Amino acid sequence: MKPVKEIWIEEILNSAENIQRVDASERLFAGIQSRLHSKVRQIEMVPARTVWLAAASIALLFALNFAALTYSAQQKQTASHSTALTENSFDIYSNS
């Protein structure tokens, strides 16, 4: 005796045997084909010069951002050193 699960699986697989293929009418098929052909467009290639200009622009943008971040970090480091020097003042005139 087969388990219930196997029987259920066999019933599902056997149910596909009775399915008949449905063919669309010629008019419907022609309408779908005409829509597909009307919506197909030619793909225009982007000129290589434009691609290289875009790549160069992006590279320049990255380089400028890197330079700006490096300069900013150097300015902060210089400012912190000068602040440390001015904060280390010697209180010559204090009464301690």
C-alpha atoms as a PDB file:
ATOM      1  CA  MET A   1       0.000   0.000   0.000  1.00  0.00           C
ATOM      2  CA  LYS A   2       1.344   3.406  -0.988  1.00  0.00           C
ATOM      3  CA  PRO A   3       1.533   6.304   1.419  1.00  0.00           C
ATOM      4  CA  VAL A   4      -1.013   9.078   1.030  1.00  0.00           C
ATOM      5  CA  LYS A   5       1.650  11.549  -0.076  1.00  0.00           C
ATOM      6  CA  GLU A   6       2.764   9.353  -3.005  1.00  0.00           C
ATOM      7  CA  ILE A   7      -0.829   8.845  -4.107  1.00  0.00           C
ATOM      8  CA  TRP A   8      -1.392  12.599  -4.046  1.00  0.00           C
ATOM      9  CA  ILE A   9       1.774  13.205  -6.096  1.00  0.00           C
ATOM     10  CA  GLU A  10       0.741  10.618  -8.698  1.00  0.00           C
ATOM     11  CA  GLU A  11      -2.737  12.171  -8.976  1.00  0.00           C
ATOM     12  CA  ILE A  12      -1.204  15.599  -9.572  1.00  0.00           C
ATOM     13  CA  LEU A  13       1.184  14.248 -12.225  1.00  0.00           C
ATOM     14  CA  ASN A  14      -1.582  12.267 -13.944  1.00  0.00           C
ATOM     15  CA  SER A  15      -3.883  15.289 -14.025  1.00  0.00           C
ATOM     16  CA  ALA A  16      -1.554  16.926 -16.563  1.00  0.00           C
ATOM     17  CA  GLU A  17      -2.206  14.104 -19.060  1.00  0.00           C
ATOM     18  CA  ASN A  18      -5.727  15.334 -19.795  1.00  0.00           C
ATOM     19  CA  ILE A  19      -4.733  18.916 -20.525  1.00  0.00           C
ATOM     20  CA  GLN A  20      -5.214  19.969 -24.146  1.00  0.00           C
ATOM     21  CA  ARG A  21      -3.234  22.698 -25.806  1.00  0.00           C
ATOM     22  CA  VAL A  22      -5.209  25.800 -26.676  1.00  0.00           C
ATOM     23  CA  ASP A  23      -4.315  27.503 -29.941  1.00  0.00           C
ATOM     24  CA  ALA A  24      -4.884  31.207 -30.365  1.00  0.00           C
ATOM     25  CA  SER A  25      -6.812  32.479 -33.316  1.00  0.00           C
ATOM     26  CA  GLU A  26      -4.802  33.671 -36.298  1.00  0.00           C
ATOM     27  CA  ARG A  27      -6.147  37.198 -35.876  1.00  0.00           C
ATOM     28  CA  LEU A  28      -5.027  37.381 -32.242  1.00  0.00           C
ATOM     29  CA  PHE A  29      -1.617  35.952 -33.110  1.00  0.00           C
ATOM     30  CA  ALA A  30      -1.157  38.461 -35.944  1.00  0.00           C
ATOM     31  CA  GLY A  31      -2.149  41.315 -33.626  1.00  0.00           C
ATOM     32  CA  ILE A  32       0.385  40.268 -31.018  1.00  0.00           C
ATOM     33  CA  GLN A  33       3.086  39.897 -33.653  1.00  0.00           C
ATOM     34  CA  SER A  34       2.369  43.365 -35.061  1.00  0.00           C
ATOM     35  CA  ARG A  35       2.558  44.914 -31.586  1.00  0.00           C
ATOM     36  CA  LEU A  36       5.877  43.216 -30.928  1.00  0.00           C
ATOM     37  CA  HIS A  37       7.333  44.392 -34.219  1.00  0.00           C
ATOM     38  CA  SER A  38       6.079  47.945 -33.775  1.00  0.00           C
ATOM     39  CA  LYS A  39       7.657  48.260 -30.329  1.00  0.00           C
ATOM     40  CA  VAL A  40      11.036  46.896 -31.372  1.00  0.00           C
ATOM     41  CA  ARG A  41      13.445  49.779 -31.704  1.00  0.00           C
ATOM     42  CA  GLN A  42      16.879  49.979 -33.086  1.00  0.00           C
ATOM     43  CA  ILE A  43      19.490  50.179 -30.382  1.00  0.00           C
ATOM     44  CA  GLU A  44      21.708  53.148 -30.995  1.00  0.00           C
ATOM     45  CA  MET A  45      25.314  52.743 -30.030  1.00  0.00           C
ATOM     46  CA  VAL A  46      26.888  55.445 -27.900  1.00  0.00           C
ATOM     47  CA  PRO A  47      30.002  56.805 -29.574  1.00  0.00           C
ATOM     48  CA  ALA A  48      33.269  55.692 -27.995  1.00  0.00           C
ATOM     49  CA  ARG A  49      34.319  59.317 -27.532  1.00  0.00           C
ATOM     50  CA  THR A  50      31.290  59.965 -25.327  1.00  0.00           C
ATOM     51  CA  VAL A  51      32.030  56.893 -23.220  1.00  0.00           C
ATOM     52  CA  TRP A  52      35.667  57.942 -22.736  1.00  0.00           C
ATOM     53  CA  LEU A  53      34.640  61.497 -21.849  1.00  0.00           C
ATOM     54  CA  ALA A  54      32.215  60.187 -19.222  1.00  0.00           C
ATOM     55  CA  ALA A  55      34.880  57.875 -17.790  1.00  0.00           C
ATOM     56  CA  ALA A  56      37.417  60.718 -17.679  1.00  0.00           C
ATOM     57  CA  SER A  57      34.890  62.977 -15.967  1.00  0.00           C
ATOM     58  CA  ILE A  58      34.207  60.373 -13.300  1.00  0.00           C
ATOM     59  CA  ALA A  59      37.931  59.793 -12.768  1.00  0.00           C
ATOM     60  CA  LEU A  60      38.519  63.552 -12.456  1.00  0.00           C
ATOM     61  CA  LEU A  61      35.666  63.816  -9.960  1.00  0.00           C
ATOM     62  CA  PHE A  62      37.173  61.044  -7.824  1.00  0.00           C
ATOM     63  CA  ALA A  63      40.619  62.656  -7.987  1.00  0.00           C
ATOM     64  CA  LEU A  64      39.250  66.051  -6.927  1.00  0.00           C
ATOM     65  CA  ASN A  65      37.307  64.483  -4.057  1.00  0.00           C
ATOM     66  CA  PHE A  66      40.406  62.620  -2.898  1.00  0.00           C
ATOM     67  CA  ALA A  67      42.496  65.808  -3.070  1.00  0.00           C
ATOM     68  CA  ALA A  68      39.856  67.762  -1.145  1.00  0.00           C
ATOM     69  CA  LEU A  69      39.651  65.115   1.577  1.00  0.00           C
ATOM     70  CA  THR A  70      43.435  64.931   1.863  1.00  0.00           C
ATOM     71  CA  TYR A  71      43.732  68.720   2.072  1.00  0.00           C
ATOM     72  CA  SER A  72      40.978  68.863   4.687  1.00  0.00           C
ATOM     73  CA  ALA A  73      42.684  66.202   6.796  1.00  0.00           C
ATOM     74  CA  GLN A  74      45.994  68.081   6.587  1.00  0.00           C
ATOM     75  CA  GLN A  75      44.306  71.326   7.629  1.00  0.00           C
ATOM     76  CA  LYS A  76      42.707  69.645  10.639  1.00  0.00           C
ATOM     77  CA  GLN A  77      46.020  68.103  11.623  1.00  0.00           C
ATOM     78  CA  THR A  78      47.821  71.454  11.299  1.00  0.00           C
ATOM     79  CA  ALA A  79      45.090  73.187  13.295  1.00  0.00           C
ATOM     80  CA  SER A  80      45.305  70.620  16.076  1.00  0.00           C
ATOM     81  CA  HIS A  81      49.104  71.041  16.282  1.00  0.00           C
ATOM     82  CA  SER A  82      48.876  74.834  16.452  1.00  0.00           C
ATOM     83  CA  THR A  83      46.137  74.587  19.077  1.00  0.00           C
ATOM     84  CA  ALA A  84      48.298  72.260  21.151  1.00  0.00           C
ATOM     85  CA  LEU A  85      51.181  74.734  20.970  1.00  0.00           C
ATOM     86  CA  THR A  86      49.051  77.686  22.064  1.00  0.00           C
ATOM     87  CA  GLU A  87      47.408  75.719  24.878  1.00  0.00           C
ATOM     88  CA  ASN A  88      50.795  74.857  26.368  1.00  0.00           C
ATOM     89  CA  SER A  89      51.411  78.393  27.498  1.00  0.00           C
ATOM     90  CA  PHE A  90      53.518  78.894  30.546  1.00  0.00           C
ATOM     91  CA  ASP A  91      51.799  80.816  33.237  1.00  0.00           C
ATOM     92  CA  ILE A  92      54.726  82.961  34.254  1.00  0.00           C
ATOM     93  CA  TYR A  93      52.610  85.515  36.002  1.00  0.00           C
ATOM     94  CA  SER A  94      50.330  83.178  37.920  1.00  0.00           C
ATOM     95  CA  ASN A  95      50.509  83.077  41.682  1.00  0.00           C
ATOM     96  CA  SER A  96      50.534  79.385  42.262  1.00  0.00           C
END
